[in-house]
C-alpha cells in the first residue's frame, strides 16, 4: 500500500509536537511522525506518531513502511517523549538515583548488559546527552520540588560533554575505544556528598 499523500517528517527528537508540524500544511491529514531509535540500523522499534487529523491511508502507509524496513511498528499519540522515551525517562531517573547512592555509570551499564544490548549510560552517550538536556531544561519550570533531581548529566553537558560525538560524555572515547572517565567518577562523588 502506498499513499500519494504521505508526508514523512524526519525529526531529531521525540520531544517535538508533530501536530504543530502537521498544522503548517494545507492538508494536515497527510502527516505522521516516524520515531526511530538509536542506532536506527539495529533497533527494531519504530514509533508511528498518529497526529490529530491523519488519514487512514497515510497511517497504513507508515505501518507498511515500518514492516518493509523490518521494524516493529507501534502507534503512539502525540505526547512529550512519545512512548519509549517516556518509559526511558523514568528508567533513567532511577539509575541516576543509584549514582548518588554510590553506583558508577559503568557499574550500572555492566549489570544491564545481562538483559539489554547496552547499558543506559552507554546508550545516552550514543544518542547524545544534549537531547535529554534540552528536555530537562524545558521541563525545569514544571519540575516538582519534592522530586529528587540529579544534576550530574546537566553538569557534563555544561562542559560540552555530549557523548560519543564530542569524545566525552559519561565515558571517554578514543579511536573507537570506550573507557570509564575518572572525572565523571569525581563529579558523581561530589554531587553525592552534597
N, C-alpha and C. Protein backbone atom coordinates (compact mmCIF):
# COMPACT_ATOMS: atom_id res chain seq x y z
N UNK A 1 0.85 -1.18 0.00
CA UNK A 1 0.00 0.00 0.00
C UNK A 1 0.89 1.23 0.00
N UNK A 2 0.56 2.19 -0.81
CA UNK A 2 1.33 3.42 -0.85
C UNK A 2 0.40 4.60 -1.04
N UNK A 3 0.54 5.56 -0.20
CA UNK A 3 -0.28 6.75 -0.29
C UNK A 3 0.48 7.83 -1.05
N UNK A 4 -0.16 8.43 -2.03
CA UNK A 4 0.45 9.54 -2.75
C UNK A 4 0.43 10.81 -1.91
N UNK A 5 -0.33 10.77 -0.81
CA UNK A 5 -0.49 11.95 0.02
C UNK A 5 0.41 11.96 1.24
N UNK A 6 1.31 10.99 1.36
CA UNK A 6 2.10 10.85 2.56
C UNK A 6 3.22 11.89 2.63
N UNK A 7 3.38 12.47 3.80
CA UNK A 7 4.48 13.38 4.05
C UNK A 7 5.25 12.80 5.24
N UNK A 8 6.50 12.43 5.02
CA UNK A 8 7.33 11.95 6.12
C UNK A 8 8.02 13.13 6.75
N UNK A 9 8.06 13.16 8.08
CA UNK A 9 8.74 14.25 8.77
C UNK A 9 9.83 13.68 9.65
N UNK A 10 11.03 13.59 9.12
CA UNK A 10 12.11 13.15 10.00
C UNK A 10 12.40 14.25 11.01
N UNK A 11 12.49 13.86 12.27
CA UNK A 11 12.83 14.82 13.31
C UNK A 11 13.99 14.24 14.11
N UNK A 12 14.70 15.09 14.80
CA UNK A 12 15.85 14.62 15.54
C UNK A 12 15.54 14.33 16.99
N UNK A 13 14.31 14.44 17.38
CA UNK A 13 13.97 14.19 18.77
C UNK A 13 12.51 13.81 18.92
N UNK A 14 12.23 13.11 19.98
CA UNK A 14 10.84 12.73 20.25
C UNK A 14 10.14 13.79 21.10
N UNK A 15 10.76 14.92 21.24
CA UNK A 15 10.15 15.96 22.06
C UNK A 15 9.56 17.09 21.22
N UNK A 16 9.32 16.82 19.94
CA UNK A 16 8.65 17.79 19.08
C UNK A 16 7.18 17.45 18.99
N UNK A 17 6.35 18.45 18.84
CA UNK A 17 4.91 18.25 18.70
C UNK A 17 4.59 18.07 17.22
N UNK A 18 4.33 16.84 16.82
CA UNK A 18 4.08 16.54 15.40
C UNK A 18 2.79 17.20 14.93
N UNK A 19 1.83 17.42 15.83
CA UNK A 19 0.61 18.14 15.45
C UNK A 19 0.93 19.57 15.01
N UNK A 20 1.88 20.21 15.68
CA UNK A 20 2.26 21.57 15.28
C UNK A 20 2.87 21.57 13.88
N UNK A 21 3.67 20.55 13.59
CA UNK A 21 4.24 20.43 12.25
C UNK A 21 3.12 20.20 11.24
N UNK A 22 2.20 19.30 11.57
CA UNK A 22 1.08 18.98 10.67
C UNK A 22 0.24 20.23 10.38
N UNK A 23 0.06 21.05 11.39
CA UNK A 23 -0.79 22.23 11.23
C UNK A 23 -0.19 23.30 10.33
N UNK A 24 1.06 23.12 9.91
CA UNK A 24 1.66 24.06 8.96
C UNK A 24 1.32 23.69 7.52
N UNK A 25 0.73 22.51 7.33
CA UNK A 25 0.36 22.05 5.99
C UNK A 25 -1.04 22.48 5.62
N UNK A 26 -1.29 22.64 4.35
CA UNK A 26 -2.65 22.93 3.89
C UNK A 26 -3.56 21.74 4.21
N UNK A 27 -3.02 20.53 4.15
CA UNK A 27 -3.78 19.32 4.45
C UNK A 27 -3.07 18.53 5.55
N UNK A 28 -3.38 18.78 6.83
CA UNK A 28 -2.70 18.11 7.93
C UNK A 28 -2.96 16.61 8.01
N UNK A 29 -3.87 16.09 7.21
CA UNK A 29 -4.13 14.65 7.22
C UNK A 29 -3.00 13.88 6.56
N UNK A 30 -2.07 14.58 5.94
CA UNK A 30 -1.01 13.95 5.17
C UNK A 30 0.25 13.64 5.98
N UNK A 31 0.22 13.86 7.28
CA UNK A 31 1.46 13.73 8.03
C UNK A 31 1.34 12.78 9.22
N UNK A 32 2.39 12.01 9.41
CA UNK A 32 2.60 11.20 10.60
C UNK A 32 4.04 11.44 11.04
N UNK A 33 4.36 11.02 12.23
CA UNK A 33 5.75 11.05 12.68
C UNK A 33 6.30 9.65 12.69
N UNK A 34 7.56 9.51 12.38
CA UNK A 34 8.27 8.24 12.48
C UNK A 34 9.43 8.44 13.43
N UNK A 35 9.39 7.77 14.56
CA UNK A 35 10.44 7.94 15.55
C UNK A 35 11.28 6.66 15.62
N UNK A 36 12.47 6.74 15.02
CA UNK A 36 13.43 5.65 15.04
C UNK A 36 14.25 5.74 16.31
N UNK A 37 14.80 4.61 16.73
CA UNK A 37 15.64 4.59 17.92
C UNK A 37 17.09 4.38 17.55
N UNK A 38 17.95 5.00 18.29
CA UNK A 38 19.37 4.97 18.01
C UNK A 38 20.02 3.74 18.64
N UNK A 39 20.84 3.04 17.88
CA UNK A 39 21.18 3.22 16.47
C UNK A 39 20.08 2.62 15.57
N UNK A 40 19.60 3.41 14.65
CA UNK A 40 18.44 3.05 13.84
C UNK A 40 18.65 1.80 12.99
N UNK A 41 19.86 1.51 12.61
CA UNK A 41 20.10 0.33 11.78
C UNK A 41 20.04 -0.96 12.59
N UNK A 42 20.01 -0.85 13.93
CA UNK A 42 19.94 -2.04 14.79
C UNK A 42 18.61 -2.14 15.52
N UNK A 43 18.15 -1.04 16.06
CA UNK A 43 16.95 -1.07 16.89
C UNK A 43 15.71 -1.37 16.05
N UNK A 44 14.87 -2.24 16.56
CA UNK A 44 13.71 -2.72 15.80
C UNK A 44 12.46 -1.85 15.97
N UNK A 45 12.33 -1.16 17.08
CA UNK A 45 11.12 -0.41 17.35
C UNK A 45 11.03 0.84 16.47
N UNK A 46 9.86 1.07 15.90
CA UNK A 46 9.58 2.30 15.17
C UNK A 46 8.23 2.82 15.65
N UNK A 47 8.27 3.92 16.38
CA UNK A 47 7.02 4.53 16.83
C UNK A 47 6.43 5.32 15.67
N UNK A 48 5.18 5.07 15.41
CA UNK A 48 4.45 5.82 14.38
C UNK A 48 3.54 6.78 15.12
N UNK A 49 3.80 8.05 14.94
CA UNK A 49 3.10 9.08 15.69
C UNK A 49 1.85 9.50 14.92
N UNK A 50 0.73 9.22 15.54
CA UNK A 50 -0.58 9.45 14.92
C UNK A 50 -1.04 10.86 15.29
N UNK A 51 -1.07 11.72 14.30
CA UNK A 51 -1.48 13.11 14.52
C UNK A 51 -3.01 13.19 14.60
N UNK A 52 -3.49 14.34 15.02
CA UNK A 52 -4.94 14.52 15.24
C UNK A 52 -5.77 14.30 13.98
N UNK A 53 -5.24 14.64 12.81
CA UNK A 53 -6.05 14.62 11.60
C UNK A 53 -5.53 13.67 10.54
N UNK A 54 -4.68 12.70 10.91
CA UNK A 54 -4.07 11.81 9.92
C UNK A 54 -5.14 10.98 9.22
N UNK A 55 -4.96 10.76 7.92
CA UNK A 55 -5.89 9.93 7.16
C UNK A 55 -5.50 8.46 7.31
N UNK A 56 -6.46 7.58 7.10
CA UNK A 56 -6.23 6.15 7.21
C UNK A 56 -5.19 5.62 6.25
N UNK A 57 -5.18 6.12 5.02
CA UNK A 57 -4.20 5.61 4.05
C UNK A 57 -2.78 6.06 4.38
N UNK A 58 -2.64 7.23 4.95
CA UNK A 58 -1.31 7.70 5.36
C UNK A 58 -0.81 6.84 6.52
N UNK A 59 -1.67 6.56 7.47
CA UNK A 59 -1.29 5.71 8.60
C UNK A 59 -0.93 4.31 8.12
N UNK A 60 -1.72 3.76 7.23
CA UNK A 60 -1.45 2.42 6.68
C UNK A 60 -0.12 2.40 5.93
N UNK A 61 0.19 3.46 5.23
CA UNK A 61 1.46 3.53 4.50
C UNK A 61 2.63 3.56 5.48
N UNK A 62 2.50 4.29 6.56
CA UNK A 62 3.55 4.32 7.57
C UNK A 62 3.80 2.96 8.19
N UNK A 63 2.73 2.23 8.47
CA UNK A 63 2.84 0.88 9.03
C UNK A 63 3.51 -0.04 8.01
N UNK A 64 3.10 0.08 6.76
CA UNK A 64 3.70 -0.74 5.70
C UNK A 64 5.19 -0.43 5.55
N UNK A 65 5.55 0.83 5.61
CA UNK A 65 6.96 1.20 5.51
C UNK A 65 7.75 0.58 6.66
N UNK A 66 7.22 0.65 7.86
CA UNK A 66 7.91 0.06 9.02
C UNK A 66 8.17 -1.43 8.78
N UNK A 67 7.18 -2.13 8.28
CA UNK A 67 7.34 -3.57 8.03
C UNK A 67 8.37 -3.82 6.94
N UNK A 68 8.37 -2.99 5.91
CA UNK A 68 9.36 -3.14 4.83
C UNK A 68 10.78 -2.91 5.32
N UNK A 69 10.91 -2.07 6.34
CA UNK A 69 12.22 -1.79 6.94
C UNK A 69 12.58 -2.80 8.03
N UNK A 70 11.74 -3.84 8.18
CA UNK A 70 11.93 -4.86 9.23
C UNK A 70 11.91 -4.26 10.63
N UNK A 71 11.04 -3.28 10.80
CA UNK A 71 10.86 -2.66 12.11
C UNK A 71 9.55 -3.15 12.71
N UNK A 72 9.43 -2.98 14.00
CA UNK A 72 8.19 -3.30 14.71
C UNK A 72 7.43 -1.99 14.90
N UNK A 73 6.32 -1.80 14.15
CA UNK A 73 5.59 -0.53 14.28
C UNK A 73 4.72 -0.51 15.54
N UNK A 74 4.79 0.59 16.25
CA UNK A 74 3.97 0.80 17.44
C UNK A 74 3.33 2.17 17.28
N UNK A 75 2.02 2.23 17.40
CA UNK A 75 1.31 3.51 17.27
C UNK A 75 1.39 4.29 18.56
N UNK A 76 1.68 5.56 18.43
CA UNK A 76 1.75 6.45 19.58
C UNK A 76 0.97 7.71 19.29
N UNK A 77 0.36 8.26 20.30
CA UNK A 77 -0.24 9.56 20.17
C UNK A 77 0.85 10.62 20.25
N UNK A 78 0.46 11.85 20.02
CA UNK A 78 1.41 12.96 20.16
C UNK A 78 1.46 13.33 21.64
N UNK A 79 2.63 13.13 22.22
CA UNK A 79 2.84 13.50 23.62
C UNK A 79 4.33 13.68 23.83
N UNK A 80 4.69 14.28 24.91
CA UNK A 80 6.09 14.57 25.20
C UNK A 80 6.87 13.27 25.37
N UNK A 81 7.79 13.00 24.45
CA UNK A 81 8.62 11.81 24.52
C UNK A 81 8.02 10.58 23.88
N UNK A 82 6.78 10.68 23.38
CA UNK A 82 6.07 9.53 22.82
C UNK A 82 6.05 8.40 23.86
N UNK A 83 6.18 7.16 23.46
CA UNK A 83 6.05 6.06 24.43
C UNK A 83 7.40 5.67 25.04
N UNK A 84 8.31 5.24 24.21
CA UNK A 84 9.56 4.67 24.72
C UNK A 84 10.38 5.66 25.52
N UNK A 85 10.45 6.90 25.09
CA UNK A 85 11.25 7.87 25.83
C UNK A 85 10.59 8.28 27.14
N UNK A 86 9.29 8.18 27.21
CA UNK A 86 8.62 8.43 28.49
C UNK A 86 9.01 7.34 29.48
N UNK A 87 9.03 6.10 28.99
CA UNK A 87 9.48 4.99 29.84
C UNK A 87 10.95 5.17 30.21
N UNK A 88 11.75 5.56 29.22
CA UNK A 88 13.19 5.73 29.43
C UNK A 88 13.47 6.83 30.47
N UNK A 89 12.64 7.86 30.50
CA UNK A 89 12.84 8.94 31.46
C UNK A 89 12.72 8.42 32.89
N UNK A 90 11.71 7.60 33.14
CA UNK A 90 11.53 7.04 34.49
C UNK A 90 12.66 6.07 34.82
N UNK A 91 13.05 5.30 33.85
CA UNK A 91 14.13 4.33 33.99
C UNK A 91 15.45 5.05 34.29
N UNK A 92 15.71 6.12 33.56
CA UNK A 92 16.92 6.91 33.76
C UNK A 92 16.93 7.55 35.14
N UNK A 93 15.78 8.03 35.57
CA UNK A 93 15.70 8.68 36.88
C UNK A 93 16.15 7.72 37.99
N UNK A 94 15.70 6.48 37.91
CA UNK A 94 16.09 5.50 38.92
C UNK A 94 17.58 5.19 38.85
N UNK A 95 18.12 5.10 37.65
CA UNK A 95 19.57 4.86 37.50
C UNK A 95 20.36 6.05 38.03
N UNK A 96 19.89 7.27 37.79
CA UNK A 96 20.56 8.46 38.30
C UNK A 96 20.54 8.48 39.83
N UNK A 97 19.44 8.01 40.43
CA UNK A 97 19.40 7.91 41.89
C UNK A 97 20.48 6.95 42.38
N UNK A 98 20.68 5.87 41.64
CA UNK A 98 21.72 4.90 42.03
C UNK A 98 23.10 5.55 41.99
N UNK A 99 23.31 6.49 41.05
CA UNK A 99 24.59 7.19 41.01
C UNK A 99 24.85 7.92 42.33
N UNK A 100 23.86 8.66 42.78
CA UNK A 100 24.04 9.42 44.01
C UNK A 100 24.09 8.52 45.24
N UNK A 101 23.61 7.30 45.10
CA UNK A 101 23.62 6.36 46.21
C UNK A 101 24.86 5.47 46.21
N UNK A 102 25.81 5.72 45.27
CA UNK A 102 27.08 5.01 45.33
C UNK A 102 27.49 4.20 44.12
N UNK A 103 26.61 3.98 43.16
CA UNK A 103 26.98 3.23 41.95
C UNK A 103 27.64 4.18 40.95
N UNK A 104 28.39 3.62 40.02
CA UNK A 104 29.01 4.40 38.95
C UNK A 104 28.38 3.99 37.62
N UNK A 105 28.42 4.86 36.60
CA UNK A 105 27.75 4.54 35.33
C UNK A 105 28.18 3.20 34.74
N UNK A 106 29.47 2.90 34.81
CA UNK A 106 29.96 1.66 34.20
C UNK A 106 29.54 0.45 35.01
N UNK A 107 29.32 0.62 36.32
CA UNK A 107 28.79 -0.48 37.13
C UNK A 107 27.34 -0.79 36.73
N UNK A 108 26.57 0.27 36.58
CA UNK A 108 25.17 0.11 36.19
C UNK A 108 25.09 -0.49 34.79
N UNK A 109 25.89 0.03 33.86
CA UNK A 109 25.88 -0.49 32.49
C UNK A 109 26.28 -1.96 32.45
N UNK A 110 27.30 -2.34 33.21
CA UNK A 110 27.75 -3.73 33.23
C UNK A 110 26.63 -4.65 33.71
N UNK A 111 25.88 -4.22 34.70
CA UNK A 111 24.77 -5.02 35.20
C UNK A 111 23.64 -5.12 34.16
N UNK A 112 23.46 -4.05 33.41
CA UNK A 112 22.34 -4.00 32.46
C UNK A 112 22.55 -4.86 31.23
N UNK A 113 23.79 -5.04 30.80
CA UNK A 113 24.01 -5.78 29.55
C UNK A 113 23.70 -7.26 29.69
N UNK A 114 23.37 -7.71 30.88
CA UNK A 114 22.90 -9.08 31.04
C UNK A 114 21.54 -9.27 30.38
N UNK A 115 20.77 -8.19 30.25
CA UNK A 115 19.44 -8.30 29.66
C UNK A 115 19.16 -7.31 28.54
N UNK A 116 20.05 -6.36 28.32
CA UNK A 116 19.88 -5.33 27.31
C UNK A 116 21.09 -5.29 26.39
N UNK A 117 20.93 -4.78 25.17
CA UNK A 117 22.08 -4.71 24.26
C UNK A 117 23.19 -3.80 24.75
N UNK A 118 22.83 -2.75 25.51
CA UNK A 118 23.85 -1.85 26.06
C UNK A 118 23.28 -1.20 27.30
N UNK A 119 24.17 -0.67 28.11
CA UNK A 119 23.74 -0.01 29.33
C UNK A 119 23.15 1.36 29.06
N UNK A 120 22.45 1.87 30.03
CA UNK A 120 21.75 3.16 29.91
C UNK A 120 22.72 4.31 29.63
N UNK A 121 23.85 4.34 30.30
CA UNK A 121 24.77 5.46 30.13
C UNK A 121 25.53 5.37 28.81
N UNK A 122 25.83 4.17 28.37
CA UNK A 122 26.42 4.00 27.03
C UNK A 122 25.41 4.44 25.97
N UNK A 123 24.14 4.09 26.18
CA UNK A 123 23.10 4.49 25.23
C UNK A 123 22.94 6.01 25.18
N UNK A 124 23.01 6.66 26.35
CA UNK A 124 22.91 8.12 26.38
C UNK A 124 24.07 8.75 25.62
N UNK A 125 25.27 8.21 25.82
CA UNK A 125 26.43 8.73 25.09
C UNK A 125 26.27 8.54 23.59
N UNK A 126 25.68 7.43 23.19
CA UNK A 126 25.48 7.17 21.77
C UNK A 126 24.46 8.14 21.17
N UNK A 127 23.34 8.35 21.85
CA UNK A 127 22.29 9.24 21.35
C UNK A 127 22.69 10.71 21.46
N UNK A 128 23.47 11.04 22.46
CA UNK A 128 23.86 12.44 22.69
C UNK A 128 23.19 12.98 23.94
N UNK A 129 23.98 13.37 24.91
CA UNK A 129 23.44 13.88 26.17
C UNK A 129 22.66 15.18 25.99
N UNK A 130 22.96 15.91 24.92
CA UNK A 130 22.29 17.19 24.70
C UNK A 130 20.81 17.04 24.38
N UNK A 131 20.39 15.89 23.88
CA UNK A 131 18.96 15.69 23.57
C UNK A 131 18.14 15.71 24.86
N UNK A 132 18.53 14.90 25.83
CA UNK A 132 17.76 14.88 27.08
C UNK A 132 18.00 16.15 27.90
N UNK A 133 19.16 16.78 27.74
CA UNK A 133 19.44 18.03 28.45
C UNK A 133 18.47 19.12 28.02
N UNK A 134 18.20 19.20 26.72
CA UNK A 134 17.24 20.20 26.22
C UNK A 134 15.86 19.94 26.83
N UNK A 135 15.47 18.68 26.92
CA UNK A 135 14.18 18.35 27.51
C UNK A 135 14.17 18.70 29.00
N UNK A 136 15.25 18.38 29.70
CA UNK A 136 15.32 18.69 31.14
C UNK A 136 15.20 20.19 31.39
N UNK A 137 15.86 20.99 30.57
CA UNK A 137 15.80 22.45 30.74
C UNK A 137 14.38 22.96 30.45
N UNK A 138 13.75 22.40 29.42
CA UNK A 138 12.40 22.84 29.07
C UNK A 138 11.41 22.50 30.18
N UNK A 139 11.59 21.37 30.84
CA UNK A 139 10.64 20.93 31.87
C UNK A 139 10.99 21.45 33.27
N UNK A 140 12.11 22.16 33.41
CA UNK A 140 12.57 22.61 34.73
C UNK A 140 11.51 23.44 35.45
N UNK A 141 10.77 24.26 34.71
CA UNK A 141 9.77 25.14 35.34
C UNK A 141 8.64 24.35 35.99
N UNK A 142 8.36 23.16 35.47
CA UNK A 142 7.23 22.37 35.99
C UNK A 142 7.69 21.22 36.89
N UNK A 143 8.98 21.12 37.13
CA UNK A 143 9.51 20.04 37.98
C UNK A 143 9.03 20.24 39.41
N UNK A 144 8.54 19.19 40.01
CA UNK A 144 8.07 19.26 41.39
C UNK A 144 9.26 19.31 42.34
N UNK A 145 9.29 20.29 43.23
CA UNK A 145 10.43 20.43 44.14
C UNK A 145 10.65 19.20 45.02
N UNK A 146 9.61 18.45 45.27
CA UNK A 146 9.73 17.28 46.14
C UNK A 146 10.46 16.12 45.46
N UNK A 147 10.51 16.13 44.12
CA UNK A 147 11.17 15.06 43.38
C UNK A 147 12.68 15.29 43.38
N UNK A 148 13.40 14.28 43.77
CA UNK A 148 14.87 14.34 43.80
C UNK A 148 15.39 14.52 42.38
N UNK A 149 16.21 15.54 42.17
CA UNK A 149 16.74 15.81 40.83
C UNK A 149 18.25 15.65 40.84
N UNK A 150 18.76 14.85 39.92
CA UNK A 150 20.19 14.56 39.82
C UNK A 150 20.78 15.45 38.73
N UNK A 151 21.79 16.24 39.07
CA UNK A 151 22.35 17.25 38.16
C UNK A 151 23.61 16.81 37.42
N UNK A 152 24.04 15.58 37.60
CA UNK A 152 25.33 15.15 37.03
C UNK A 152 25.33 15.31 35.52
N UNK A 153 24.30 14.81 34.83
CA UNK A 153 24.27 14.90 33.36
C UNK A 153 24.22 16.36 32.91
N UNK A 154 23.51 17.21 33.63
CA UNK A 154 23.47 18.63 33.30
C UNK A 154 24.88 19.23 33.35
N UNK A 155 25.62 18.88 34.39
CA UNK A 155 26.98 19.42 34.54
C UNK A 155 27.89 18.92 33.42
N UNK A 156 27.72 17.67 33.01
CA UNK A 156 28.51 17.16 31.89
C UNK A 156 28.20 17.96 30.62
N UNK A 157 26.93 18.23 30.39
CA UNK A 157 26.53 18.99 29.20
C UNK A 157 27.04 20.43 29.25
N UNK A 158 27.01 21.03 30.43
CA UNK A 158 27.51 22.40 30.57
C UNK A 158 28.99 22.50 30.19
N UNK A 159 29.70 21.38 30.29
CA UNK A 159 31.12 21.33 29.90
C UNK A 159 31.31 20.90 28.45
N UNK A 160 30.20 20.75 27.71
CA UNK A 160 30.30 20.34 26.31
C UNK A 160 30.54 18.85 26.13
N UNK A 161 30.27 18.08 27.15
CA UNK A 161 30.47 16.63 27.10
C UNK A 161 29.13 16.00 26.69
N UNK A 162 28.94 15.80 25.41
CA UNK A 162 27.66 15.31 24.89
C UNK A 162 27.71 13.84 24.48
N UNK A 163 28.78 13.15 24.79
CA UNK A 163 28.86 11.73 24.46
C UNK A 163 29.85 11.45 23.34
N UNK A 164 29.56 10.43 22.58
CA UNK A 164 30.49 9.98 21.53
C UNK A 164 30.83 11.08 20.53
N UNK A 165 29.85 11.92 20.21
CA UNK A 165 30.10 12.93 19.18
C UNK A 165 31.12 13.98 19.60
N UNK A 166 31.33 14.12 20.91
CA UNK A 166 32.35 15.06 21.39
C UNK A 166 33.55 14.34 22.01
N UNK A 167 33.52 13.02 22.03
CA UNK A 167 34.63 12.24 22.57
C UNK A 167 34.56 12.02 24.07
N UNK A 168 33.61 12.69 24.73
CA UNK A 168 33.43 12.55 26.17
C UNK A 168 31.97 12.77 26.53
N UNK A 169 31.51 11.96 27.43
CA UNK A 169 30.18 12.09 28.00
C UNK A 169 30.27 11.44 29.36
N UNK A 170 29.53 10.36 29.55
CA UNK A 170 29.70 9.55 30.76
C UNK A 170 31.04 8.82 30.70
N UNK A 171 31.45 8.49 29.49
CA UNK A 171 32.70 7.77 29.24
C UNK A 171 33.65 8.65 28.42
N UNK A 172 34.89 8.17 28.26
CA UNK A 172 35.86 8.77 27.34
C UNK A 172 35.92 7.89 26.10
N UNK A 173 36.05 8.52 24.94
CA UNK A 173 36.13 7.79 23.67
C UNK A 173 37.39 8.21 22.94
N UNK A 174 38.21 7.22 22.58
CA UNK A 174 39.44 7.46 21.83
C UNK A 174 39.57 6.40 20.75
N UNK A 175 39.55 6.81 19.49
CA UNK A 175 39.74 5.87 18.37
C UNK A 175 38.86 4.62 18.50
N UNK A 176 37.62 4.79 18.86
CA UNK A 176 36.69 3.67 18.98
C UNK A 176 36.75 2.95 20.31
N UNK A 177 37.69 3.31 21.16
CA UNK A 177 37.80 2.69 22.49
C UNK A 177 36.97 3.48 23.49
N UNK A 178 36.29 2.75 24.36
CA UNK A 178 35.47 3.37 25.41
C UNK A 178 36.12 3.05 26.75
N UNK A 179 36.24 4.09 27.59
CA UNK A 179 36.84 3.89 28.91
C UNK A 179 36.05 4.65 29.96
N UNK A 180 35.97 4.10 31.17
CA UNK A 180 35.41 4.89 32.27
C UNK A 180 36.22 6.16 32.45
N UNK A 181 35.57 7.22 32.86
CA UNK A 181 36.23 8.52 32.98
C UNK A 181 36.38 8.89 34.46
N UNK A 182 37.63 9.01 34.93
CA UNK A 182 37.86 9.37 36.34
C UNK A 182 37.21 10.70 36.71
N UNK A 183 37.12 11.65 35.76
CA UNK A 183 36.50 12.93 36.06
C UNK A 183 35.02 12.74 36.40
N UNK A 184 34.34 11.89 35.65
CA UNK A 184 32.92 11.62 35.91
C UNK A 184 32.75 11.00 37.29
N UNK A 185 33.65 10.10 37.63
CA UNK A 185 33.60 9.48 38.95
C UNK A 185 33.73 10.54 40.05
N UNK A 186 34.67 11.47 39.90
CA UNK A 186 34.85 12.55 40.88
C UNK A 186 33.61 13.43 40.96
N UNK A 187 33.04 13.75 39.80
CA UNK A 187 31.84 14.58 39.75
C UNK A 187 30.68 13.90 40.49
N UNK A 188 30.51 12.62 40.24
CA UNK A 188 29.42 11.87 40.91
C UNK A 188 29.64 11.87 42.42
N UNK A 189 30.86 11.62 42.87
CA UNK A 189 31.12 11.59 44.29
C UNK A 189 30.87 12.97 44.92
N UNK A 190 31.23 14.03 44.22
CA UNK A 190 30.99 15.39 44.74
C UNK A 190 29.50 15.68 44.83
N UNK A 191 28.75 15.29 43.80
CA UNK A 191 27.30 15.50 43.82
C UNK A 191 26.65 14.66 44.91
N UNK A 192 27.14 13.45 45.08
CA UNK A 192 26.60 12.56 46.10
C UNK A 192 26.84 13.12 47.49
N UNK A 193 28.01 13.70 47.71
CA UNK A 193 28.33 14.30 49.01
C UNK A 193 27.40 15.46 49.34
N UNK A 194 27.01 16.21 48.31
CA UNK A 194 26.09 17.34 48.51
C UNK A 194 24.72 16.84 48.97
